[in-house]
C-alpha cells in the first residue's frame, strides 16, 4: 500500500515536470517566431525604402524592358506571403495588423530640370520696360497735375491779366514809291508818326519791357512800309504810360524787288489804304519775389485806314478799334504758346 502511494506521488511529480517543460518549450517557440517576424518586417521595410529612394534619385525616363524576378513589367506584383502566426499560451494569435500597400500605386517621379522654366521665373526685359514706362508716365502725369493745380491756385489768388496797348492816332507824312526808268529797281520812302499808350491792369504783377521793334505794314498784301523803335520801360502795378511821337520811317535807299513793288503799288493806288502796326519785344514779369525769364510779346494794332498824302501835309489814319491785341509767346523747348 505504501509503495503504491509513493509510486503515485512520483508519477504526479513527473507529470508536473513534463508540463513545465512543454510550457517552456512553447514559450521559447513563440518568442523565436516573434523575433523572426520582427526581423522579416524590418528587412522588408528597408528593402522598400531603398527601392523608393532609387526611384527618386534616378527616375526612369523609359519603362523597363526586362522582367523583374520573372514577372513581366506590365503585370502587377503579387503581395508578399503573410508572416507566420504566433500563438500565445491562451490560444490567442500575436499577429499585428498589416498595412496594405497597393502594388499599382503611382510612384512619385520628380520633374526633370527645365532651363526654360527657370528663366521664366526671372523678370523678362519686356516686363521691366513696361514697368519703367508705366511709372515714368505716372510720374509725368502727377507732375503735370501738380503744375496745373499750382497754376490754378495762382490764377484764382492773383488773377493775372496781360498788359494793354492802344494807338489812338496814326499820321501819314510821306509814302513815295519810285521806279527808275532805266532799271526795274524800285525805291520806297515813307514816314509815319503815332502815339502809343501802355497800361498794366494787375495789382500784384509788374512788367519790364525791352525796346520794341515797330513795323508798319500794308493790311492787304502784308508788305512792310516802315520800321521804327520804342524805348524799353518798366510798368508797375496799375501803371499807365504814354509814348508820343513814335516814328517809323523807310529811307529812299531801300530797294524793292519787282514783285514786292507791284503789290505795294496796287495797295497805294486805292483811295483809302489799310494799315496795321506790329510791335515785338521781350518782357520780364515779377509777382512778389517770383521773377520770370524774358517772354516774347507781340502787339498788333489793326483797322487803320488813311489816304496817301499828295504834298507835304500829313494825313491822319483812323481806326474803329484803338485797342491793340497782345500775345504772350511762352516757349517750352521747341514749342511756343
C-alpha atoms as a PDB file:
ATOM      1  CA  UNK A   1       0.000   0.000   0.000  1.00  0.00           C
ATOM      2  CA  UNK A   2       2.789   2.352   0.941  1.00  0.00           C
ATOM      3  CA  UNK A   3       4.616   1.517  -2.299  1.00  0.00           C
ATOM      4  CA  UNK A   4       1.581   2.317  -4.352  1.00  0.00           C
ATOM      5  CA  UNK A   5       1.261   5.724  -2.718  1.00  0.00           C
ATOM      6  CA  UNK A   6       4.900   6.540  -3.340  1.00  0.00           C
ATOM      7  CA  UNK A   7       4.717   5.466  -6.965  1.00  0.00           C
ATOM      8  CA  UNK A   8       1.601   7.567  -7.434  1.00  0.00           C
ATOM      9  CA  UNK A   9       3.390  10.584  -5.972  1.00  0.00           C
ATOM     10  CA  UNK A  10       6.373  10.076  -8.256  1.00  0.00           C
ATOM     11  CA  UNK A  11       4.041   9.849 -11.226  1.00  0.00           C
ATOM     12  CA  UNK A  12       2.419  13.202 -10.329  1.00  0.00           C
ATOM     13  CA  UNK A  13       5.789  14.878  -9.932  1.00  0.00           C
ATOM     14  CA  UNK A  14       6.952  13.629 -13.311  1.00  0.00           C
ATOM     15  CA  UNK A  15       3.684  14.825 -14.921  1.00  0.00           C
ATOM     16  CA  UNK A  16       4.189  18.344 -13.484  1.00  0.00           C
ATOM     17  CA  UNK A  17       7.771  18.434 -14.718  1.00  0.00           C
ATOM     18  CA  UNK A  18       6.643  17.375 -18.186  1.00  0.00           C
ATOM     19  CA  UNK A  19       4.024  20.128 -18.290  1.00  0.00           C
ATOM     20  CA  UNK A  20       6.578  22.722 -17.220  1.00  0.00           C
ATOM     21  CA  UNK A  21       8.971  21.595 -19.920  1.00  0.00           C
ATOM     22  CA  UNK A  22       6.202  21.722 -22.520  1.00  0.00           C
ATOM     23  CA  UNK A  23       5.185  25.213 -21.453  1.00  0.00           C
ATOM     24  CA  UNK A  24       8.794  26.389 -21.564  1.00  0.00           C
ATOM     25  CA  UNK A  25       9.304  24.915 -24.994  1.00  0.00           C
ATOM     26  CA  UNK A  26       6.094  26.506 -26.206  1.00  0.00           C
ATOM     27  CA  UNK A  27       7.135  29.939 -24.859  1.00  0.00           C
ATOM     28  CA  UNK A  28      10.572  29.697 -26.465  1.00  0.00           C
ATOM     29  CA  UNK A  29       8.974  28.732 -29.753  1.00  0.00           C
ATOM     30  CA  UNK A  30       6.562  31.723 -29.682  1.00  0.00           C
ATOM     31  CA  UNK A  31       9.439  34.063 -28.782  1.00  0.00           C
ATOM     32  CA  UNK A  32      11.516  32.816 -31.701  1.00  0.00           C
ATOM     33  CA  UNK A  33       8.560  33.246 -34.042  1.00  0.00           C
ATOM     34  CA  UNK A  34       8.034  36.830 -32.850  1.00  0.00           C
ATOM     35  CA  UNK A  35      11.714  37.645 -33.320  1.00  0.00           C
ATOM     36  CA  UNK A  36      11.746  36.162 -36.803  1.00  0.00           C
ATOM     37  CA  UNK A  37       8.552  38.050 -37.691  1.00  0.00           C
ATOM     38  CA  UNK A  38      10.073  41.345 -36.465  1.00  0.00           C
ATOM     39  CA  UNK A  39      13.290  40.778 -38.425  1.00  0.00           C
ATOM     40  CA  UNK A  40      11.292  39.953 -41.548  1.00  0.00           C
ATOM     41  CA  UNK A  41       9.233  43.169 -41.261  1.00  0.00           C
ATOM     42  CA  UNK A  42      12.385  45.258 -40.706  1.00  0.00           C
ATOM     43  CA  UNK A  43      14.137  43.773 -43.711  1.00  0.00           C
ATOM     44  CA  UNK A  44      11.065  44.235 -45.911  1.00  0.00           C
ATOM     45  CA  UNK A  45      10.639  47.913 -44.879  1.00  0.00           C
ATOM     46  CA  UNK A  46      14.348  48.610 -45.538  1.00  0.00           C
ATOM     47  CA  UNK A  47      14.070  46.953 -48.947  1.00  0.00           C
ATOM     48  CA  UNK A  48      11.016  49.084 -49.893  1.00  0.00           C
ATOM     49  CA  UNK A  49      12.715  52.235 -48.627  1.00  0.00           C
ATOM     50  CA  UNK A  50      15.755  51.524 -50.796  1.00  0.00           C
ATOM     51  CA  UNK A  51      13.546  50.983 -53.833  1.00  0.00           C
ATOM     52  CA  UNK A  52      11.729  54.307 -53.277  1.00  0.00           C
ATOM     53  CA  UNK A  53      14.982  56.221 -52.827  1.00  0.00           C
ATOM     54  CA  UNK A  54      16.350  54.661 -56.010  1.00  0.00           C
ATOM     55  CA  UNK A  55      13.273  55.793 -57.975  1.00  0.00           C
ATOM     56  CA  UNK A  56      13.545  59.331 -56.593  1.00  0.00           C
ATOM     57  CA  UNK A  57      17.251  59.817 -57.228  1.00  0.00           C
ATOM     58  CA  UNK A  58      17.328  58.030 -60.584  1.00  0.00           C
ATOM     59  CA  UNK A  59      13.851  58.360 -62.146  1.00  0.00           C
ATOM     60  CA  UNK A  60      13.288  56.123 -65.089  1.00  0.00           C
ATOM     61  CA  UNK A  61      12.711  58.072 -68.307  1.00  0.00           C
ATOM     62  CA  UNK A  62      11.518  54.949 -70.143  1.00  0.00           C
ATOM     63  CA  UNK A  63       9.576  51.932 -68.930  1.00  0.00           C
ATOM     64  CA  UNK A  64      11.796  48.943 -68.141  1.00  0.00           C
ATOM     65  CA  UNK A  65      12.023  46.270 -70.797  1.00  0.00           C
ATOM     66  CA  UNK A  66      13.462  43.482 -68.697  1.00  0.00           C
ATOM     67  CA  UNK A  67      11.389  41.367 -66.355  1.00  0.00           C
ATOM     68  CA  UNK A  68      11.848  41.512 -62.593  1.00  0.00           C
ATOM     69  CA  UNK A  69      12.097  38.101 -60.908  1.00  0.00           C
ATOM     70  CA  UNK A  70      10.401  36.522 -63.857  1.00  0.00           C
ATOM     71  CA  UNK A  71       7.403  38.880 -63.753  1.00  0.00           C
ATOM     72  CA  UNK A  72       6.690  40.995 -66.863  1.00  0.00           C
ATOM     73  CA  UNK A  73       6.742  44.834 -66.389  1.00  0.00           C
ATOM     74  CA  UNK A  74       3.038  45.284 -67.151  1.00  0.00           C
ATOM     75  CA  UNK A  75       1.883  42.638 -64.623  1.00  0.00           C
ATOM     76  CA  UNK A  76       1.125  43.537 -61.025  1.00  0.00           C
ATOM     77  CA  UNK A  77       3.471  42.175 -58.385  1.00  0.00           C
ATOM     78  CA  UNK A  78       1.999  39.591 -56.024  1.00  0.00           C
ATOM     79  CA  UNK A  79       1.789  40.653 -52.402  1.00  0.00           C
ATOM     80  CA  UNK A  80       4.410  39.113 -50.068  1.00  0.00           C
ATOM     81  CA  UNK A  81       3.419  35.922 -48.182  1.00  0.00           C
ATOM     82  CA  UNK A  82       1.934  36.510 -44.769  1.00  0.00           C
ATOM     83  CA  UNK A  83       4.245  36.136 -41.798  1.00  0.00           C
ATOM     84  CA  UNK A  84       3.853  33.046 -39.577  1.00  0.00           C
ATOM     85  CA  UNK A  85       1.314  33.473 -36.832  1.00  0.00           C
ATOM     86  CA  UNK A  86       2.466  33.063 -33.241  1.00  0.00           C
ATOM     87  CA  UNK A  87       0.065  31.615 -30.676  1.00  0.00           C
ATOM     88  CA  UNK A  88       0.414  32.507 -27.014  1.00  0.00           C
ATOM     89  CA  UNK A  89      -0.395  30.327 -24.044  1.00  0.00           C
ATOM     90  CA  UNK A  90      -4.043  31.323 -24.033  1.00  0.00           C
ATOM     91  CA  UNK A  91      -4.529  30.158 -27.596  1.00  0.00           C
ATOM     92  CA  UNK A  92      -4.724  33.752 -28.992  1.00  0.00           C
ATOM     93  CA  UNK A  93      -2.775  34.951 -32.007  1.00  0.00           C
ATOM     94  CA  UNK A  94       0.031  37.538 -31.526  1.00  0.00           C
ATOM     95  CA  UNK A  95      -0.108  38.751 -35.148  1.00  0.00           C
ATOM     96  CA  UNK A  96      -0.037  42.586 -35.523  1.00  0.00           C
ATOM     97  CA  UNK A  97      -2.321  44.352 -38.016  1.00  0.00           C
ATOM     98  CA  UNK A  98      -0.820  44.577 -41.501  1.00  0.00           C
ATOM     99  CA  UNK A  99      -0.780  47.852 -43.522  1.00  0.00           C
ATOM    100  CA  UNK A 100      -1.986  47.192 -47.032  1.00  0.00           C
ATOM    101  CA  UNK A 101       0.109  48.915 -49.709  1.00  0.00           C
ATOM    102  CA  UNK A 102      -1.389  48.545 -53.200  1.00  0.00           C
ATOM    103  CA  UNK A 103       1.023  47.322 -55.819  1.00  0.00           C
ATOM    104  CA  UNK A 104      -0.283  49.643 -58.542  1.00  0.00           C
ATOM    105  CA  UNK A 105       0.194  52.866 -56.576  1.00  0.00           C
ATOM    106  CA  UNK A 106       1.879  55.513 -58.806  1.00  0.00           C
ATOM    107  CA  UNK A 107       5.476  56.170 -57.910  1.00  0.00           C
ATOM    108  CA  UNK A 108       6.460  59.823 -57.319  1.00  0.00           C
ATOM    109  CA  UNK A 109       8.792  60.922 -60.075  1.00  0.00           C
ATOM    110  CA  UNK A 110      10.209  64.478 -59.820  1.00  0.00           C
ATOM    111  CA  UNK A 111      10.077  66.576 -62.972  1.00  0.00           C
ATOM    112  CA  UNK A 112      13.390  66.990 -64.785  1.00  0.00           C
ATOM    113  CA  UNK A 113      15.159  70.345 -64.606  1.00  0.00           C
ATOM    114  CA  UNK A 114      13.866  72.772 -67.234  1.00  0.00           C
ATOM    115  CA  UNK A 115      16.018  75.753 -68.173  1.00  0.00           C
ATOM    116  CA  UNK A 116      13.064  77.439 -69.877  1.00  0.00           C
ATOM    117  CA  UNK A 117      11.005  77.227 -66.692  1.00  0.00           C
ATOM    118  CA  UNK A 118      13.955  78.547 -64.699  1.00  0.00           C
ATOM    119  CA  UNK A 119      14.281  81.567 -66.968  1.00  0.00           C
ATOM    120  CA  UNK A 120      10.550  82.233 -66.826  1.00  0.00           C
ATOM    121  CA  UNK A 121      10.773  82.806 -63.088  1.00  0.00           C
ATOM    122  CA  UNK A 122      13.116  85.741 -63.673  1.00  0.00           C
ATOM    123  CA  UNK A 123      11.660  89.114 -64.737  1.00  0.00           C
ATOM    124  CA  UNK A 124      11.987  89.496 -68.500  1.00  0.00           C
ATOM    125  CA  UNK A 125      13.298  92.604 -70.281  1.00  0.00           C
ATOM    126  CA  UNK A 126       9.852  93.276 -71.723  1.00  0.00           C
ATOM    127  CA  UNK A 127       8.292  93.265 -68.261  1.00  0.00           C
ATOM    128  CA  UNK A 128      10.989  95.615 -66.932  1.00  0.00           C
ATOM    129  CA  UNK A 129      10.479  98.024 -69.863  1.00  0.00           C
ATOM    130  CA  UNK A 130       6.713  98.000 -69.344  1.00  0.00           C
ATOM    131  CA  UNK A 131       7.142  98.770 -65.652  1.00  0.00           C
ATOM    132  CA  UNK A 132       9.584 101.617 -66.393  1.00  0.00           C
ATOM    133  CA  UNK A 133       7.252 103.136 -68.993  1.00  0.00           C
ATOM    134  CA  UNK A 134       4.260 102.834 -66.671  1.00  0.00           C
ATOM    135  CA  UNK A 135       5.995 104.534 -63.745  1.00  0.00           C
ATOM    136  CA  UNK A 136       7.511 107.254 -65.982  1.00  0.00           C
ATOM    137  CA  UNK A 137       4.105 108.118 -67.446  1.00  0.00           C
ATOM    138  CA  UNK A 138       2.542 108.051 -63.997  1.00  0.00           C
ATOM    139  CA  UNK A 139       5.199 110.411 -62.564  1.00  0.00           C
ATOM    140  CA  UNK A 140       4.835 112.748 -65.555  1.00  0.00           C
ATOM    141  CA  UNK A 141       1.059 112.857 -65.122  1.00  0.00           C
ATOM    142  CA  UNK A 142       1.429 113.539 -61.402  1.00  0.00           C
ATOM    143  CA  UNK A 143       3.864 116.406 -62.079  1.00  0.00           C
ATOM    144  CA  UNK A 144       1.541 117.840 -64.730  1.00  0.00           C
ATOM    145  CA  UNK A 145      -1.374 117.589 -62.322  1.00  0.00           C
ATOM    146  CA  UNK A 146       0.592 119.359 -59.577  1.00  0.00           C
ATOM    147  CA  UNK A 147       1.644 122.114 -62.007  1.00  0.00           C
ATOM    148  CA  UNK A 148      -1.964 122.568 -63.145  1.00  0.00           C
ATOM    149  CA  UNK A 149      -3.150 122.803 -59.525  1.00  0.00           C
ATOM    150  CA  UNK A 150      -0.437 125.363 -58.715  1.00  0.00           C
ATOM    151  CA  UNK A 151      -1.265 127.441 -61.813  1.00  0.00           C
ATOM    152  CA  UNK A 152      -4.970 127.353 -60.965  1.00  0.00           C
ATOM    153  CA  UNK A 153      -4.259 128.482 -57.400  1.00  0.00           C
ATOM    154  CA  UNK A 154      -2.083 131.372 -58.634  1.00  0.00           C
ATOM    155  CA  UNK A 155      -4.733 132.429 -61.149  1.00  0.00           C
ATOM    156  CA  UNK A 156      -7.506 132.356 -58.548  1.00  0.00           C
ATOM    157  CA  UNK A 157      -5.483 134.305 -55.962  1.00  0.00           C
ATOM    158  CA  UNK A 158      -3.777 136.915 -58.181  1.00  0.00           C
ATOM    159  CA  UNK A 159      -5.954 136.819 -61.320  1.00  0.00           C
ATOM    160  CA  UNK A 160      -3.157 137.904 -63.705  1.00  0.00           C
ATOM    161  CA  UNK A 161      -4.090 139.695 -66.935  1.00  0.00           C
ATOM    162  CA  UNK A 162      -1.992 140.614 -69.974  1.00  0.00           C
ATOM    163  CA  UNK A 163      -0.870 144.215 -70.475  1.00  0.00           C
ATOM    164  CA  UNK A 164      -2.981 146.578 -72.568  1.00  0.00           C
ATOM    165  CA  UNK A 165      -1.757 148.689 -75.510  1.00  0.00           C
ATOM    166  CA  UNK A 166      -3.547 151.165 -77.760  1.00  0.00           C
ATOM    167  CA  UNK A 167      -2.740 153.561 -80.598  1.00  0.00           C
ATOM    168  CA  UNK A 168      -5.252 156.429 -80.613  1.00  0.00           C
ATOM    169  CA  UNK A 169      -3.816 158.191 -83.716  1.00  0.00           C
ATOM    170  CA  UNK A 170      -1.594 157.493 -86.696  1.00  0.00           C
ATOM    171  CA  UNK A 171      -0.277 160.192 -89.025  1.00  0.00           C
ATOM    172  CA  UNK A 172       0.973 159.533 -92.526  1.00  0.00           C
ATOM    173  CA  UNK A 173       3.562 162.121 -93.511  1.00  0.00           C
ATOM    174  CA  UNK A 174       5.050 160.532 -96.621  1.00  0.00           C
ATOM    175  CA  UNK A 175       4.703 157.394 -98.738  1.00  0.00           C
ATOM    176  CA  UNK A 176       6.619 157.582-102.032  1.00  0.00           C
ATOM    177  CA  UNK A 177       7.237 154.636-104.337  1.00  0.00           C
ATOM    178  CA  UNK A 178       9.590 155.460-107.246  1.00  0.00           C
ATOM    179  CA  UNK A 179      10.844 153.274-110.059  1.00  0.00           C
ATOM    180  CA  UNK A 180      13.867 154.237-112.204  1.00  0.00           C
ATOM    181  CA  UNK A 181      13.182 154.438-115.921  1.00  0.00           C
ATOM    182  CA  UNK A 182      16.394 152.747-116.951  1.00  0.00           C
ATOM    183  CA  UNK A 183      16.180 149.909-114.448  1.00  0.00           C
ATOM    184  CA  UNK A 184      13.468 147.752-112.867  1.00  0.00           C
ATOM    185  CA  UNK A 185      14.597 148.602-109.305  1.00  0.00           C
ATOM    186  CA  UNK A 186      12.042 150.432-107.114  1.00  0.00           C
ATOM    187  CA  UNK A 187      12.656 152.545-104.020  1.00  0.00           C
ATOM    188  CA  UNK A 188      10.294 153.275-101.106  1.00  0.00           C
ATOM    189  CA  UNK A 189      10.397 156.343 -98.902  1.00  0.00           C
ATOM    190  CA  UNK A 190       7.875 156.663 -96.040  1.00  0.00           C
ATOM    191  CA  UNK A 191       7.347 158.456 -92.753  1.00  0.00           C
ATOM    192  CA  UNK A 192       4.748 157.608 -90.034  1.00  0.00           C
ATOM    193  CA  UNK A 193       4.100 159.153 -86.641  1.00  0.00           C
ATOM    194  CA  UNK A 194       1.813 157.711 -83.933  1.00  0.00           C
ATOM    195  CA  UNK A 195       1.082 157.760 -80.191  1.00  0.00           C
ATOM    196  CA  UNK A 196       1.345 154.613 -78.043  1.00  0.00           C
ATOM    197  CA  UNK A 197      -0.462 154.052 -74.732  1.00  0.00           C
ATOM    198  CA  UNK A 198       0.532 151.202 -72.342  1.00  0.00           C
ATOM    199  CA  UNK A 199      -1.408 150.092 -69.254  1.00  0.00           C
ATOM    200  CA  UNK A 200      -0.788 147.431 -66.574  1.00  0.00           C
ATOM    201  CA  UNK A 201      -4.179 146.276 -65.176  1.00  0.00           C
ATOM    202  CA  UNK A 202      -2.687 143.958 -62.495  1.00  0.00           C
ATOM    203  CA  UNK A 203      -2.296 144.697 -58.790  1.00  0.00           C
ATOM    204  CA  UNK A 204       0.379 142.098 -57.977  1.00  0.00           C
ATOM    205  CA  UNK A 205       2.188 141.750 -61.307  1.00  0.00           C
ATOM    206  CA  UNK A 206       4.775 144.075 -62.852  1.00  0.00           C
ATOM    207  CA  UNK A 207       6.283 144.130 -66.371  1.00  0.00           C
ATOM    208  CA  UNK A 208       9.747 145.105 -67.514  1.00  0.00           C
ATOM    209  CA  UNK A 209       9.918 145.649 -71.314  1.00  0.00           C
ATOM    210  CA  UNK A 210      12.905 145.572 -73.599  1.00  0.00           C
ATOM    211  CA  UNK A 211      12.960 148.027 -76.558  1.00  0.00           C
ATOM    212  CA  UNK A 212      10.130 147.417 -79.062  1.00  0.00           C
ATOM    213  CA  UNK A 213      10.730 146.746 -82.761  1.00  0.00           C
ATOM    214  CA  UNK A 214       7.954 148.581 -84.678  1.00  0.00           C
ATOM    215  CA  UNK A 215       6.781 147.649 -88.179  1.00  0.00           C
ATOM    216  CA  UNK A 216       4.094 149.432 -90.230  1.00  0.00           C
ATOM    217  CA  UNK A 217       2.558 147.123 -92.848  1.00  0.00           C
ATOM    218  CA  UNK A 218       0.003 147.210 -95.610  1.00  0.00           C
ATOM    219  CA  UNK A 219      -3.133 145.455 -94.384  1.00  0.00           C
ATOM    220  CA  UNK A 220      -3.947 143.847 -97.749  1.00  0.00           C
ATOM    221  CA  UNK A 221      -0.610 142.486 -99.001  1.00  0.00           C
ATOM    222  CA  UNK A 222       1.327 142.478 -95.702  1.00  0.00           C
ATOM    223  CA  UNK A 223       4.284 144.300 -97.249  1.00  0.00           C
ATOM    224  CA  UNK A 224       6.445 146.392 -94.908  1.00  0.00           C
ATOM    225  CA  UNK A 225       6.126 150.182 -95.326  1.00  0.00           C
ATOM    226  CA  UNK A 226       8.261 151.485 -92.428  1.00  0.00           C
ATOM    227  CA  UNK A 227      10.258 150.438 -89.364  1.00  0.00           C
ATOM    228  CA  UNK A 228      10.885 152.088 -86.004  1.00  0.00           C
ATOM    229  CA  UNK A 229      11.615 151.520 -82.304  1.00  0.00           C
ATOM    230  CA  UNK A 230      10.044 152.254 -78.910  1.00  0.00           C
ATOM    231  CA  UNK A 231      12.409 152.513 -75.921  1.00  0.00           C
ATOM    232  CA  UNK A 232      12.161 149.937 -73.156  1.00  0.00           C
ATOM    233  CA  UNK A 233      10.361 150.819 -69.917  1.00  0.00           C
ATOM    234  CA  UNK A 234       9.090 149.425 -66.592  1.00  0.00           C
ATOM    235  CA  UNK A 235       5.352 149.138 -65.936  1.00  0.00           C
ATOM    236  CA  UNK A 236       4.397 148.991 -62.247  1.00  0.00           C
ATOM    237  CA  UNK A 237       1.098 147.890 -60.686  1.00  0.00           C
ATOM    238  CA  UNK A 238      -1.882 149.808 -62.127  1.00  0.00           C
ATOM    239  CA  UNK A 239       0.522 151.908 -64.170  1.00  0.00           C
ATOM    240  CA  UNK A 240      -0.195 153.835 -67.407  1.00  0.00           C
ATOM    241  CA  UNK A 241       2.483 155.004 -69.794  1.00  0.00           C
ATOM    242  CA  UNK A 242       2.193 157.234 -72.927  1.00  0.00           C
ATOM    243  CA  UNK A 243       4.697 157.496 -75.775  1.00  0.00           C
ATOM    244  CA  UNK A 244       4.096 160.408 -78.148  1.00  0.00           C
ATOM    245  CA  UNK A 245       5.750 160.983 -81.488  1.00  0.00           C
ATOM    246  CA  UNK A 246       6.814 157.392 -82.193  1.00  0.00           C
ATOM    247  CA  UNK A 247       8.435 157.490 -85.619  1.00  0.00           C
ATOM    248  CA  UNK A 248       8.562 154.739 -88.225  1.00  0.00           C
ATOM    249  CA  UNK A 249      10.377 155.512 -91.457  1.00  0.00           C
ATOM    250  CA  UNK A 250      11.772 153.954 -94.600  1.00  0.00           C
ATOM    251  CA  UNK A 251      14.589 155.741 -96.402  1.00  0.00           C
ATOM    252  CA  UNK A 252      14.865 156.031-100.164  1.00  0.00           C
ATOM    253  CA  UNK A 253      17.887 153.739-100.082  1.00  0.00           C
ATOM    254  CA  UNK A 254      15.651 150.723 -99.544  1.00  0.00           C
ATOM    255  CA  UNK A 255      15.272 148.748-102.733  1.00  0.00           C
ATOM    256  CA  UNK A 256      12.295 146.549-103.588  1.00  0.00           C
ATOM    257  CA  UNK A 257      12.127 143.592-105.905  1.00  0.00           C
ATOM    258  CA  UNK A 258       9.669 143.780-108.824  1.00  0.00           C
ATOM    259  CA  UNK A 259       7.029 141.548-107.226  1.00  0.00           C
ATOM    260  CA  UNK A 260       7.072 143.465-103.930  1.00  0.00           C
ATOM    261  CA  UNK A 261       6.934 146.794-105.775  1.00  0.00           C
ATOM    262  CA  UNK A 262       3.958 145.588-107.827  1.00  0.00           C
ATOM    263  CA  UNK A 263       1.970 144.596-104.726  1.00  0.00           C
ATOM    264  CA  UNK A 264       2.753 147.864-102.941  1.00  0.00           C
ATOM    265  CA  UNK A 265       1.784 149.919-105.997  1.00  0.00           C
ATOM    266  CA  UNK A 266      -1.537 148.081-106.143  1.00  0.00           C
ATOM    267  CA  UNK A 267      -2.196 148.873-102.476  1.00  0.00           C
ATOM    268  CA  UNK A 268      -1.177 152.527-102.623  1.00  0.00           C
ATOM    269  CA  UNK A 269      -3.370 153.350-105.633  1.00  0.00           C
ATOM    270  CA  UNK A 270      -6.510 152.755-103.577  1.00  0.00           C
ATOM    271  CA  UNK A 271      -8.493 155.716-102.234  1.00  0.00           C
ATOM    272  CA  UNK A 272      -8.013 154.570 -98.638  1.00  0.00           C
ATOM    273  CA  UNK A 273      -5.043 152.418 -97.735  1.00  0.00           C
ATOM    274  CA  UNK A 274      -5.418 149.813 -94.990  1.00  0.00           C
ATOM    275  CA  UNK A 275      -2.585 149.864 -92.441  1.00  0.00           C
ATOM    276  CA  UNK A 276      -1.563 147.888 -89.357  1.00  0.00           C
ATOM    277  CA  UNK A 277       1.157 148.320 -86.750  1.00  0.00           C
ATOM    278  CA  UNK A 278       3.086 145.373 -85.320  1.00  0.00           C
ATOM    279  CA  UNK A 279       5.435 145.613 -82.302  1.00  0.00           C
ATOM    280  CA  UNK A 280       7.637 142.863 -80.866  1.00  0.00           C
ATOM    281  CA  UNK A 281       9.776 142.716 -77.721  1.00  0.00           C
ATOM    282  CA  UNK A 282      10.629 140.639 -74.644  1.00  0.00           C
ATOM    283  CA  UNK A 283       9.127 141.259 -71.228  1.00  0.00           C
ATOM    284  CA  UNK A 284      10.071 140.034 -67.750  1.00  0.00           C
ATOM    285  CA  UNK A 285       7.262 139.535 -65.260  1.00  0.00           C
ATOM    286  CA  UNK A 286       7.539 139.718 -61.489  1.00  0.00           C
ATOM    287  CA  UNK A 287       4.969 138.627 -58.888  1.00  0.00           C
ATOM    288  CA  UNK A 288       6.224 139.315 -55.391  1.00  0.00           C
ATOM    289  CA  UNK A 289       9.643 137.656 -55.173  1.00  0.00           C
ATOM    290  CA  UNK A 290       8.997 135.355 -58.127  1.00  0.00           C
ATOM    291  CA  UNK A 291      10.594 136.506 -61.376  1.00  0.00           C
ATOM    292  CA  UNK A 292      10.296 135.057 -64.852  1.00  0.00           C
ATOM    293  CA  UNK A 293      12.720 134.966 -67.722  1.00  0.00           C
ATOM    294  CA  UNK A 294      12.242 137.077 -70.823  1.00  0.00           C
ATOM    295  CA  UNK A 295       8.980 136.167 -72.577  1.00  0.00           C
ATOM    296  CA  UNK A 296       8.268 137.240 -76.143  1.00  0.00           C
ATOM    297  CA  UNK A 297       5.283 139.519 -76.608  1.00  0.00           C
ATOM    298  CA  UNK A 298       3.657 140.571 -79.866  1.00  0.00           C
ATOM    299  CA  UNK A 299       1.398 143.640 -80.039  1.00  0.00           C
ATOM    300  CA  UNK A 300      -0.756 144.055 -83.160  1.00  0.00           C
ATOM    301  CA  UNK A 301      -2.874 147.142 -83.900  1.00  0.00           C
ATOM    302  CA  UNK A 302      -5.234 146.673 -86.868  1.00  0.00           C
ATOM    303  CA  UNK A 303      -8.065 148.524 -88.580  1.00  0.00           C
ATOM    304  CA  UNK A 304      -6.310 151.752 -89.627  1.00  0.00           C
ATOM    305  CA  UNK A 305      -7.360 153.376 -92.896  1.00  0.00           C
ATOM    306  CA  UNK A 306      -5.962 156.555 -94.443  1.00  0.00           C
ATOM    307  CA  UNK A 307      -5.081 158.293 -97.670  1.00  0.00           C
ATOM    308  CA  UNK A 308      -1.645 158.778 -99.096  1.00  0.00           C
ATOM    309  CA  UNK A 309      -0.662 162.475 -98.806  1.00  0.00           C
ATOM    310  CA  UNK A 310      -0.169 164.293-102.123  1.00  0.00           C
ATOM    311  CA  UNK A 311       2.067 167.049-100.790  1.00  0.00           C
ATOM    312  CA  UNK A 312       3.819 167.868 -97.539  1.00  0.00           C
ATOM    313  CA  UNK A 313       0.645 167.967 -95.452  1.00  0.00           C
ATOM    314  CA  UNK A 314       0.279 164.740 -93.431  1.00  0.00           C
ATOM    315  CA  UNK A 315      -2.953 162.812 -93.303  1.00  0.00           C
ATOM    316  CA  UNK A 316      -4.495 161.026 -90.289  1.00  0.00           C
ATOM    317  CA  UNK A 317      -5.382 157.372 -90.418  1.00  0.00           C
ATOM    318  CA  UNK A 318      -8.329 156.411 -88.228  1.00  0.00           C
ATOM    319  CA  UNK A 319      -9.324 153.089 -86.690  1.00  0.00           C
ATOM    320  CA  UNK A 320     -12.613 151.780 -85.333  1.00  0.00           C
ATOM    321  CA  UNK A 321     -10.759 149.811 -82.658  1.00  0.00           C
ATOM    322  CA  UNK A 322      -7.992 151.713 -80.967  1.00  0.00           C
ATOM    323  CA  UNK A 323      -7.003 148.851 -78.626  1.00  0.00           C
ATOM    324  CA  UNK A 324      -4.285 146.511 -79.772  1.00  0.00           C
ATOM    325  CA  UNK A 325      -4.028 142.761 -79.341  1.00  0.00           C
ATOM    326  CA  UNK A 326      -1.283 141.414 -77.047  1.00  0.00           C
ATOM    327  CA  UNK A 327       0.022 137.868 -77.463  1.00  0.00           C
ATOM    328  CA  UNK A 328       2.488 136.386 -74.983  1.00  0.00           C
ATOM    329  CA  UNK A 329       4.609 133.673 -76.599  1.00  0.00           C
ATOM    330  CA  UNK A 330       5.620 131.166 -73.902  1.00  0.00           C
ATOM    331  CA  UNK A 331       8.304 128.905 -75.335  1.00  0.00           C
ATOM    332  CA  UNK A 332       8.691 125.398 -73.923  1.00  0.00           C
ATOM    333  CA  UNK A 333      11.678 123.709 -75.564  1.00  0.00           C
ATOM    334  CA  UNK A 334      10.711 123.910 -79.276  1.00  0.00           C
ATOM    335  CA  UNK A 335       7.046 124.855 -78.933  1.00  0.00           C
ATOM    336  CA  UNK A 336       5.634 128.329 -78.468  1.00  0.00           C
ATOM    337  CA  UNK A 337       2.256 129.025 -76.841  1.00  0.00           C
END
